[in-house]
Amino acid sequence: MEGYRLWLRFEDGLEGEIDLSDILRGPAFAPLKEVSAFARLRVDPNWHTIVWPGDLDIAPESLRTRLEAALAEGHAAE
Protein backbone atom coordinates (compact mmCIF):
# COMPACT_ATOMS: atom_id res chain seq x y z
CA MET A 1 0.00 0.00 0.00
CA GLU A 2 1.09 3.61 -0.27
CA GLY A 3 3.29 5.39 2.23
CA TYR A 4 3.35 3.77 5.63
CA ARG A 5 0.04 1.90 5.28
CA LEU A 6 -0.23 -1.86 5.50
CA TRP A 7 -2.97 -4.39 4.96
CA LEU A 8 -2.74 -7.01 7.69
CA ARG A 9 -4.44 -10.38 7.91
CA PHE A 10 -4.14 -12.50 11.04
CA GLU A 11 -4.55 -16.27 11.11
CA ASP A 12 -7.93 -15.97 12.84
CA GLY A 13 -9.30 -13.88 9.96
CA LEU A 14 -8.98 -10.39 11.47
CA GLU A 15 -7.85 -8.11 8.68
CA GLY A 16 -7.69 -4.49 7.67
CA GLU A 17 -5.52 -1.52 6.90
CA ILE A 18 -3.37 0.39 9.36
CA ASP A 19 -1.08 3.39 9.10
CA LEU A 20 2.29 3.03 10.83
CA SER A 21 3.58 6.54 10.15
CA ASP A 22 3.43 7.35 13.87
CA ILE A 23 6.14 4.78 14.70
CA LEU A 24 8.65 6.86 12.75
CA ARG A 25 8.83 9.50 15.48
CA GLY A 26 11.18 7.48 17.67
CA PRO A 27 14.90 7.10 17.05
CA ALA A 28 14.74 3.32 16.68
CA PHE A 29 12.63 3.58 13.53
CA ALA A 30 14.32 6.68 12.08
CA PRO A 31 15.90 4.61 9.26
CA LEU A 32 12.38 3.88 7.98
CA LYS A 33 11.43 7.51 7.35
CA GLU A 34 12.28 6.99 3.71
CA VAL A 35 9.26 5.28 2.15
CA SER A 36 11.59 3.08 0.11
CA ALA A 37 13.25 1.82 3.31
CA PHE A 38 9.86 1.24 4.97
CA ALA A 39 8.75 -0.75 1.91
CA ARG A 40 11.57 -3.27 2.48
CA LEU A 41 9.51 -4.97 5.18
CA ARG A 42 8.80 -8.68 5.10
CA VAL A 43 6.96 -11.19 7.25
CA ASP A 44 9.37 -13.24 9.31
CA PRO A 45 8.12 -16.86 9.44
CA ASN A 46 9.74 -17.51 12.82
CA TRP A 47 8.65 -14.33 14.60
CA HIS A 48 5.24 -14.16 12.88
CA THR A 49 5.48 -10.41 12.44
CA ILE A 50 6.82 -7.80 10.06
CA VAL A 51 10.52 -7.03 10.11
CA TRP A 52 12.91 -4.70 8.34
CA PRO A 53 16.64 -4.90 7.68
CA GLY A 54 18.64 -3.74 10.68
CA ASP A 55 16.78 -5.92 13.18
CA LEU A 56 13.72 -3.66 13.30
CA ASP A 57 10.35 -5.24 14.00
CA ILE A 58 6.96 -4.62 15.57
CA ALA A 59 5.47 -7.15 17.95
CA PRO A 60 2.45 -8.91 16.46
CA GLU A 61 0.44 -8.02 19.55
CA SER A 62 1.09 -4.35 18.88
CA LEU A 63 0.03 -4.71 15.26
CA ARG A 64 -3.17 -6.48 16.31
CA THR A 65 -3.97 -3.80 18.91
CA ARG A 66 -3.44 -1.09 16.30
CA LEU A 67 -5.67 -2.89 13.80
CA GLU A 68 -8.43 -3.49 16.34
CA ALA A 69 -8.35 0.18 17.32
CA ALA A 70 -8.45 1.29 13.68
CA LEU A 71 -11.41 -1.00 12.98
CA ALA A 72 -13.23 0.22 16.10
CA GLU A 73 -12.71 3.84 15.04
CA GLY A 74 -13.79 3.11 11.50
CA HIS A 75 -10.37 4.02 10.04
CA ALA A 76 -9.71 0.64 8.49
CA ALA A 77 -11.51 -1.27 5.80
CA GLU A 78 -13.00 -4.57 6.91
PDB file of N, CA and C in Angstrom:
ATOM      1  N   MET A   1       0.835  -1.165   0.000  1.00  0.00           N
ATOM      2  CA  MET A   1       0.000   0.000   0.000  1.00  0.00           C
ATOM      3  C   MET A   1       0.894   1.248   0.000  1.00  0.00           C
ATOM      4  N   GLU A   2       0.313   2.376  -0.189  1.00  0.00           N
ATOM      5  CA  GLU A   2       1.089   3.614  -0.270  1.00  0.00           C
ATOM      6  C   GLU A   2       1.615   4.068   1.083  1.00  0.00           C
ATOM      7  N   GLY A   3       2.730   4.779   1.027  1.00  0.00           N
ATOM      8  CA  GLY A   3       3.289   5.385   2.230  1.00  0.00           C
ATOM      9  C   GLY A   3       3.612   4.372   3.304  1.00  0.00           C
ATOM     10  N   TYR A   4       3.066   4.610   4.466  1.00  0.00           N
ATOM     11  CA  TYR A   4       3.351   3.766   5.626  1.00  0.00           C
ATOM     12  C   TYR A   4       2.123   2.945   6.019  1.00  0.00           C
ATOM     13  N   ARG A   5       1.278   2.662   5.043  1.00  0.00           N
ATOM     14  CA  ARG A   5       0.045   1.904   5.276  1.00  0.00           C
ATOM     15  C   ARG A   5       0.266   0.447   4.911  1.00  0.00           C
ATOM     16  N   LEU A   6      -0.333  -0.419   5.723  1.00  0.00           N
ATOM     17  CA  LEU A   6      -0.231  -1.864   5.504  1.00  0.00           C
ATOM     18  C   LEU A   6      -1.609  -2.493   5.583  1.00  0.00           C
ATOM     19  N   TRP A   7      -1.781  -3.547   4.825  1.00  0.00           N
ATOM     20  CA  TRP A   7      -2.967  -4.391   4.960  1.00  0.00           C
ATOM     21  C   TRP A   7      -2.499  -5.629   5.716  1.00  0.00           C
ATOM     22  N   LEU A   8      -3.114  -5.867   6.859  1.00  0.00           N
ATOM     23  CA  LEU A   8      -2.744  -7.009   7.694  1.00  0.00           C
ATOM     24  C   LEU A   8      -3.864  -8.035   7.706  1.00  0.00           C
ATOM     25  N   ARG A   9      -3.485  -9.287   7.742  1.00  0.00           N
ATOM     26  CA  ARG A   9      -4.442 -10.381   7.909  1.00  0.00           C
ATOM     27  C   ARG A   9      -3.848 -11.356   8.920  1.00  0.00           C
ATOM     28  N   PHE A  10      -4.581 -11.567  10.006  1.00  0.00           N
ATOM     29  CA  PHE A  10      -4.139 -12.497  11.036  1.00  0.00           C
ATOM     30  C   PHE A  10      -4.737 -13.873  10.775  1.00  0.00           C
ATOM     31  N   GLU A  11      -4.127 -14.900  11.352  1.00  0.00           N
ATOM     32  CA  GLU A  11      -4.545 -16.273  11.113  1.00  0.00           C
ATOM     33  C   GLU A  11      -6.001 -16.528  11.484  1.00  0.00           C
ATOM     34  N   ASP A  12      -6.540 -15.765  12.430  1.00  0.00           N
ATOM     35  CA  ASP A  12      -7.935 -15.972  12.836  1.00  0.00           C
ATOM     36  C   ASP A  12      -8.926 -15.220  11.954  1.00  0.00           C
ATOM     37  N   GLY A  13      -8.434 -14.558  10.909  1.00  0.00           N
ATOM     38  CA  GLY A  13      -9.302 -13.883   9.960  1.00  0.00           C
ATOM     39  C   GLY A  13      -9.426 -12.384  10.152  1.00  0.00           C
ATOM     40  N   LEU A  14      -8.953 -11.839  11.276  1.00  0.00           N
ATOM     41  CA  LEU A  14      -8.983 -10.389  11.470  1.00  0.00           C
ATOM     42  C   LEU A  14      -8.096  -9.753  10.415  1.00  0.00           C
ATOM     43  N   GLU A  15      -8.643  -8.761   9.708  1.00  0.00           N
ATOM     44  CA  GLU A  15      -7.847  -8.108   8.678  1.00  0.00           C
ATOM     45  C   GLU A  15      -8.301  -6.670   8.485  1.00  0.00           C
ATOM     46  N   GLY A  16      -7.386  -5.882   7.962  1.00  0.00           N
ATOM     47  CA  GLY A  16      -7.686  -4.493   7.669  1.00  0.00           C
ATOM     48  C   GLY A  16      -6.418  -3.711   7.432  1.00  0.00           C
ATOM     49  N   GLU A  17      -6.605  -2.431   7.250  1.00  0.00           N
ATOM     50  CA  GLU A  17      -5.517  -1.519   6.904  1.00  0.00           C
ATOM     51  C   GLU A  17      -5.147  -0.664   8.105  1.00  0.00           C
ATOM     52  N   ILE A  18      -3.842  -0.496   8.309  1.00  0.00           N
ATOM     53  CA  ILE A  18      -3.369   0.393   9.361  1.00  0.00           C
ATOM     54  C   ILE A  18      -2.287   1.310   8.792  1.00  0.00           C
ATOM     55  N   ASP A  19      -2.112   2.418   9.460  1.00  0.00           N
ATOM     56  CA  ASP A  19      -1.077   3.386   9.095  1.00  0.00           C
ATOM     57  C   ASP A  19      -0.029   3.372  10.206  1.00  0.00           C
ATOM     58  N   LEU A  20       1.210   3.099   9.853  1.00  0.00           N
ATOM     59  CA  LEU A  20       2.293   3.025  10.834  1.00  0.00           C
ATOM     60  C   LEU A  20       3.182   4.265  10.820  1.00  0.00           C
ATOM     61  N   SER A  21       2.731   5.345  10.226  1.00  0.00           N
ATOM     62  CA  SER A  21       3.576   6.541  10.145  1.00  0.00           C
ATOM     63  C   SER A  21       3.950   7.067  11.526  1.00  0.00           C
ATOM     64  N   ASP A  22       3.123   6.828  12.539  1.00  0.00           N
ATOM     65  CA  ASP A  22       3.429   7.346  13.875  1.00  0.00           C
ATOM     66  C   ASP A  22       4.625   6.652  14.532  1.00  0.00           C
ATOM     67  N   ILE A  23       4.985   5.452  14.089  1.00  0.00           N
ATOM     68  CA  ILE A  23       6.143   4.779  14.700  1.00  0.00           C
ATOM     69  C   ILE A  23       7.463   5.424  14.286  1.00  0.00           C
ATOM     70  N   LEU A  24       7.427   6.259  13.273  1.00  0.00           N
ATOM     71  CA  LEU A  24       8.651   6.862  12.750  1.00  0.00           C
ATOM     72  C   LEU A  24       9.145   8.029  13.589  1.00  0.00           C
ATOM     73  N   ARG A  25       8.430   8.380  14.627  1.00  0.00           N
ATOM     74  CA  ARG A  25       8.830   9.500  15.479  1.00  0.00           C
ATOM     75  C   ARG A  25       9.993   9.146  16.393  1.00  0.00           C
ATOM     76  N   GLY A  26      10.118   7.892  16.762  1.00  0.00           N
ATOM     77  CA  GLY A  26      11.180   7.482  17.674  1.00  0.00           C
ATOM     78  C   GLY A  26      12.489   7.234  16.952  1.00  0.00           C
ATOM     79  N   PRO A  27      13.582   7.290  17.681  1.00  0.00           N
ATOM     80  CA  PRO A  27      14.900   7.104  17.053  1.00  0.00           C
ATOM     81  C   PRO A  27      15.129   5.690  16.516  1.00  0.00           C
ATOM     82  N   ALA A  28      14.514   4.691  17.127  1.00  0.00           N
ATOM     83  CA  ALA A  28      14.740   3.317  16.677  1.00  0.00           C
ATOM     84  C   ALA A  28      14.266   3.102  15.244  1.00  0.00           C
ATOM     85  N   PHE A  29      13.194   3.780  14.861  1.00  0.00           N
ATOM     86  CA  PHE A  29      12.631   3.584  13.531  1.00  0.00           C
ATOM     87  C   PHE A  29      12.997   4.699  12.555  1.00  0.00           C
ATOM     88  N   ALA A  30      13.895   5.582  12.954  1.00  0.00           N
ATOM     89  CA  ALA A  30      14.316   6.684  12.081  1.00  0.00           C
ATOM     90  C   ALA A  30      14.781   6.210  10.700  1.00  0.00           C
ATOM     91  N   PRO A  31      15.473   5.058  10.595  1.00  0.00           N
ATOM     92  CA  PRO A  31      15.901   4.613   9.262  1.00  0.00           C
ATOM     93  C   PRO A  31      14.743   4.333   8.305  1.00  0.00           C
ATOM     94  N   LEU A  32      13.526   4.206   8.826  1.00  0.00           N
ATOM     95  CA  LEU A  32      12.383   3.877   7.977  1.00  0.00           C
ATOM     96  C   LEU A  32      11.628   5.104   7.490  1.00  0.00           C
ATOM     97  N   LYS A  33      12.127   6.293   7.791  1.00  0.00           N
ATOM     98  CA  LYS A  33      11.434   7.507   7.354  1.00  0.00           C
ATOM     99  C   LYS A  33      11.361   7.620   5.841  1.00  0.00           C
ATOM    100  N   GLU A  34      12.324   7.052   5.171  1.00  0.00           N
ATOM    101  CA  GLU A  34      12.275   6.989   3.710  1.00  0.00           C
ATOM    102  C   GLU A  34      11.271   5.898   3.346  1.00  0.00           C
ATOM    103  N   VAL A  35      10.293   6.248   2.527  1.00  0.00           N
ATOM    104  CA  VAL A  35       9.256   5.278   2.153  1.00  0.00           C
ATOM    105  C   VAL A  35       9.880   4.043   1.510  1.00  0.00           C
ATOM    106  N   SER A  36      10.939   4.225   0.752  1.00  0.00           N
ATOM    107  CA  SER A  36      11.586   3.077   0.108  1.00  0.00           C
ATOM    108  C   SER A  36      12.195   2.128   1.140  1.00  0.00           C
ATOM    109  N   ALA A  37      12.711   2.665   2.238  1.00  0.00           N
ATOM    110  CA  ALA A  37      13.246   1.817   3.313  1.00  0.00           C
ATOM    111  C   ALA A  37      12.104   1.118   4.042  1.00  0.00           C
ATOM    112  N   PHE A  38      11.024   1.830   4.310  1.00  0.00           N
ATOM    113  CA  PHE A  38       9.861   1.240   4.969  1.00  0.00           C
ATOM    114  C   PHE A  38       9.306   0.080   4.136  1.00  0.00           C
ATOM    115  N   ALA A  39       9.305   0.252   2.826  1.00  0.00           N
ATOM    116  CA  ALA A  39       8.752  -0.751   1.913  1.00  0.00           C
ATOM    117  C   ALA A  39       9.563  -2.037   1.870  1.00  0.00           C
ATOM    118  N   ARG A  40      10.733  -2.062   2.486  1.00  0.00           N
ATOM    119  CA  ARG A  40      11.575  -3.271   2.483  1.00  0.00           C
ATOM    120  C   ARG A  40      11.136  -4.273   3.548  1.00  0.00           C
ATOM    121  N   LEU A  41       9.984  -4.051   4.146  1.00  0.00           N
ATOM    122  CA  LEU A  41       9.514  -4.970   5.184  1.00  0.00           C
ATOM    123  C   LEU A  41       9.198  -6.341   4.596  1.00  0.00           C
ATOM    124  N   ARG A  42       9.190  -7.320   5.482  1.00  0.00           N
ATOM    125  CA  ARG A  42       8.799  -8.679   5.103  1.00  0.00           C
ATOM    126  C   ARG A  42       8.197  -9.335   6.333  1.00  0.00           C
ATOM    127  N   VAL A  43       7.501 -10.424   6.127  1.00  0.00           N
ATOM    128  CA  VAL A  43       6.963 -11.192   7.245  1.00  0.00           C
ATOM    129  C   VAL A  43       7.982 -12.253   7.604  1.00  0.00           C
ATOM    130  N   ASP A  44       8.413 -12.244   8.847  1.00  0.00           N
ATOM    131  CA  ASP A  44       9.366 -13.244   9.314  1.00  0.00           C
ATOM    132  C   ASP A  44       8.589 -14.492   9.738  1.00  0.00           C
ATOM    133  N   PRO A  45       8.871 -15.640   9.132  1.00  0.00           N
ATOM    134  CA  PRO A  45       8.120 -16.856   9.443  1.00  0.00           C
ATOM    135  C   PRO A  45       8.350 -17.387  10.859  1.00  0.00           C
ATOM    136  N   ASN A  46       9.463 -17.039  11.457  1.00  0.00           N
ATOM    137  CA  ASN A  46       9.739 -17.509  12.818  1.00  0.00           C
ATOM    138  C   ASN A  46       9.121 -16.602  13.875  1.00  0.00           C
ATOM    139  N   TRP A  47       9.167 -15.301  13.634  1.00  0.00           N
ATOM    140  CA  TRP A  47       8.652 -14.329  14.598  1.00  0.00           C
ATOM    141  C   TRP A  47       7.175 -14.017  14.385  1.00  0.00           C
ATOM    142  N   HIS A  48       6.649 -14.390  13.206  1.00  0.00           N
ATOM    143  CA  HIS A  48       5.237 -14.155  12.878  1.00  0.00           C
ATOM    144  C   HIS A  48       4.861 -12.679  12.976  1.00  0.00           C
ATOM    145  N   THR A  49       5.746 -11.842  12.467  1.00  0.00           N
ATOM    146  CA  THR A  49       5.481 -10.406  12.439  1.00  0.00           C
ATOM    147  C   THR A  49       6.274  -9.787  11.302  1.00  0.00           C
ATOM    148  N   ILE A  50       6.077  -8.490  11.111  1.00  0.00           N
ATOM    149  CA  ILE A  50       6.817  -7.800  10.064  1.00  0.00           C
ATOM    150  C   ILE A  50       8.166  -7.346  10.608  1.00  0.00           C
ATOM    151  N   VAL A  51       9.161  -7.408   9.743  1.00  0.00           N
ATOM    152  CA  VAL A  51      10.524  -7.029  10.108  1.00  0.00           C
ATOM    153  C   VAL A  51      11.136  -6.235   8.956  1.00  0.00           C
ATOM    154  N   TRP A  52      12.151  -5.470   9.313  1.00  0.00           N
ATOM    155  CA  TRP A  52      12.913  -4.698   8.335  1.00  0.00           C
ATOM    156  C   TRP A  52      14.390  -5.020   8.524  1.00  0.00           C
ATOM    157  N   PRO A  53      15.201  -4.754   7.505  1.00  0.00           N
ATOM    158  CA  PRO A  53      16.644  -4.898   7.677  1.00  0.00           C
ATOM    159  C   PRO A  53      17.111  -4.027   8.851  1.00  0.00           C
ATOM    160  N   GLY A  54      18.127  -4.468   9.528  1.00  0.00           N
ATOM    161  CA  GLY A  54      18.643  -3.738  10.679  1.00  0.00           C
ATOM    162  C   GLY A  54      18.000  -4.171  11.981  1.00  0.00           C
ATOM    163  N   ASP A  55      17.403  -5.352  11.980  1.00  0.00           N
ATOM    164  CA  ASP A  55      16.781  -5.916  13.185  1.00  0.00           C
ATOM    165  C   ASP A  55      15.645  -5.065  13.738  1.00  0.00           C
ATOM    166  N   LEU A  56      14.885  -4.422  12.869  1.00  0.00           N
ATOM    167  CA  LEU A  56      13.722  -3.661  13.297  1.00  0.00           C
ATOM    168  C   LEU A  56      12.474  -4.514  13.116  1.00  0.00           C
ATOM    169  N   ASP A  57      11.604  -4.500  14.110  1.00  0.00           N
ATOM    170  CA  ASP A  57      10.346  -5.240  14.005  1.00  0.00           C
ATOM    171  C   ASP A  57       9.300  -4.601  14.899  1.00  0.00           C
ATOM    172  N   ILE A  58       8.068  -5.032  14.713  1.00  0.00           N
ATOM    173  CA  ILE A  58       6.964  -4.615  15.567  1.00  0.00           C
ATOM    174  C   ILE A  58       6.306  -5.880  16.074  1.00  0.00           C
ATOM    175  N   ALA A  59       6.085  -5.960  17.362  1.00  0.00           N
ATOM    176  CA  ALA A  59       5.467  -7.148  17.952  1.00  0.00           C
ATOM    177  C   ALA A  59       4.092  -7.380  17.330  1.00  0.00           C
ATOM    178  N   PRO A  60       3.758  -8.630  17.048  1.00  0.00           N
ATOM    179  CA  PRO A  60       2.449  -8.906  16.455  1.00  0.00           C
ATOM    180  C   PRO A  60       1.296  -8.447  17.341  1.00  0.00           C
ATOM    181  N   GLU A  61       1.485  -8.479  18.639  1.00  0.00           N
ATOM    182  CA  GLU A  61       0.436  -8.020  19.554  1.00  0.00           C
ATOM    183  C   GLU A  61       0.169  -6.526  19.358  1.00  0.00           C
ATOM    184  N   SER A  62       1.232  -5.780  19.124  1.00  0.00           N
ATOM    185  CA  SER A  62       1.094  -4.350  18.879  1.00  0.00           C
ATOM    186  C   SER A  62       0.364  -4.092  17.568  1.00  0.00           C
ATOM    187  N   LEU A  63       0.706  -4.854  16.540  1.00  0.00           N
ATOM    188  CA  LEU A  63       0.029  -4.709  15.255  1.00  0.00           C
ATOM    189  C   LEU A  63      -1.456  -5.029  15.391  1.00  0.00           C
ATOM    190  N   ARG A  64      -1.767  -6.086  16.123  1.00  0.00           N
ATOM    191  CA  ARG A  64      -3.166  -6.475  16.313  1.00  0.00           C
ATOM    192  C   ARG A  64      -3.936  -5.391  17.074  1.00  0.00           C
ATOM    193  N   THR A  65      -3.325  -4.859  18.131  1.00  0.00           N
ATOM    194  CA  THR A  65      -3.969  -3.803  18.905  1.00  0.00           C
ATOM    195  C   THR A  65      -4.248  -2.590  18.033  1.00  0.00           C
ATOM    196  N   ARG A  66      -3.272  -2.227  17.200  1.00  0.00           N
ATOM    197  CA  ARG A  66      -3.444  -1.094  16.295  1.00  0.00           C
ATOM    198  C   ARG A  66      -4.583  -1.357  15.305  1.00  0.00           C
ATOM    199  N   LEU A  67      -4.627  -2.553  14.766  1.00  0.00           N
ATOM    200  CA  LEU A  67      -5.670  -2.888  13.798  1.00  0.00           C
ATOM    201  C   LEU A  67      -7.041  -2.890  14.465  1.00  0.00           C
ATOM    202  N   GLU A  68      -7.151  -3.475  15.634  1.00  0.00           N
ATOM    203  CA  GLU A  68      -8.430  -3.492  16.338  1.00  0.00           C
ATOM    204  C   GLU A  68      -8.908  -2.076  16.630  1.00  0.00           C
ATOM    205  N   ALA A  69      -7.991  -1.209  17.036  1.00  0.00           N
ATOM    206  CA  ALA A  69      -8.350   0.182  17.317  1.00  0.00           C
ATOM    207  C   ALA A  69      -8.801   0.889  16.034  1.00  0.00           C
ATOM    208  N   ALA A  70      -8.089   0.665  14.938  1.00  0.00           N
ATOM    209  CA  ALA A  70      -8.453   1.290  13.676  1.00  0.00           C
ATOM    210  C   ALA A  70      -9.832   0.812  13.209  1.00  0.00           C
ATOM    211  N   LEU A  71     -10.104  -0.464  13.364  1.00  0.00           N
ATOM    212  CA  LEU A  71     -11.409  -1.000  12.975  1.00  0.00           C
ATOM    213  C   LEU A  71     -12.513  -0.422  13.861  1.00  0.00           C
ATOM    214  N   ALA A  72     -12.242  -0.317  15.164  1.00  0.00           N
ATOM    215  CA  ALA A  72     -13.228   0.221  16.095  1.00  0.00           C
ATOM    216  C   ALA A  72     -13.545   1.683  15.802  1.00  0.00           C
ATOM    217  N   GLU A  73     -12.537   2.422  15.341  1.00  0.00           N
ATOM    218  CA  GLU A  73     -12.713   3.843  15.042  1.00  0.00           C
ATOM    219  C   GLU A  73     -13.230   4.060  13.620  1.00  0.00           C
ATOM    220  N   GLY A  74     -13.317   2.988  12.869  1.00  0.00           N
ATOM    221  CA  GLY A  74     -13.787   3.105  11.498  1.00  0.00           C
ATOM    222  C   GLY A  74     -12.749   3.612  10.525  1.00  0.00           C
ATOM    223  N   HIS A  75     -11.456   3.533  10.902  1.00  0.00           N
ATOM    224  CA  HIS A  75     -10.372   4.024  10.043  1.00  0.00           C
ATOM    225  C   HIS A  75      -9.784   2.944   9.159  1.00  0.00           C
ATOM    226  N   ALA A  76     -10.255   1.728   9.293  1.00  0.00           N
ATOM    227  CA  ALA A  76      -9.708   0.640   8.490  1.00  0.00           C
ATOM    228  C   ALA A  76     -10.836  -0.048   7.737  1.00  0.00           C
ATOM    229  N   ALA A  77     -10.529  -0.521   6.565  1.00  0.00           N
ATOM    230  CA  ALA A  77     -11.507  -1.271   5.802  1.00  0.00           C
ATOM    231  C   ALA A  77     -11.621  -2.680   6.363  1.00  0.00           C
ATOM    232  N   GLU A  78     -12.815  -3.199   6.410  1.00  0.00           N
ATOM    233  CA  GLU A  78     -12.997  -4.572   6.909  1.00  0.00           C
ATOM    234  C   GLU A  78     -13.059  -5.530   5.752  1.00  0.00           C
TER     235      GLU A  78
END
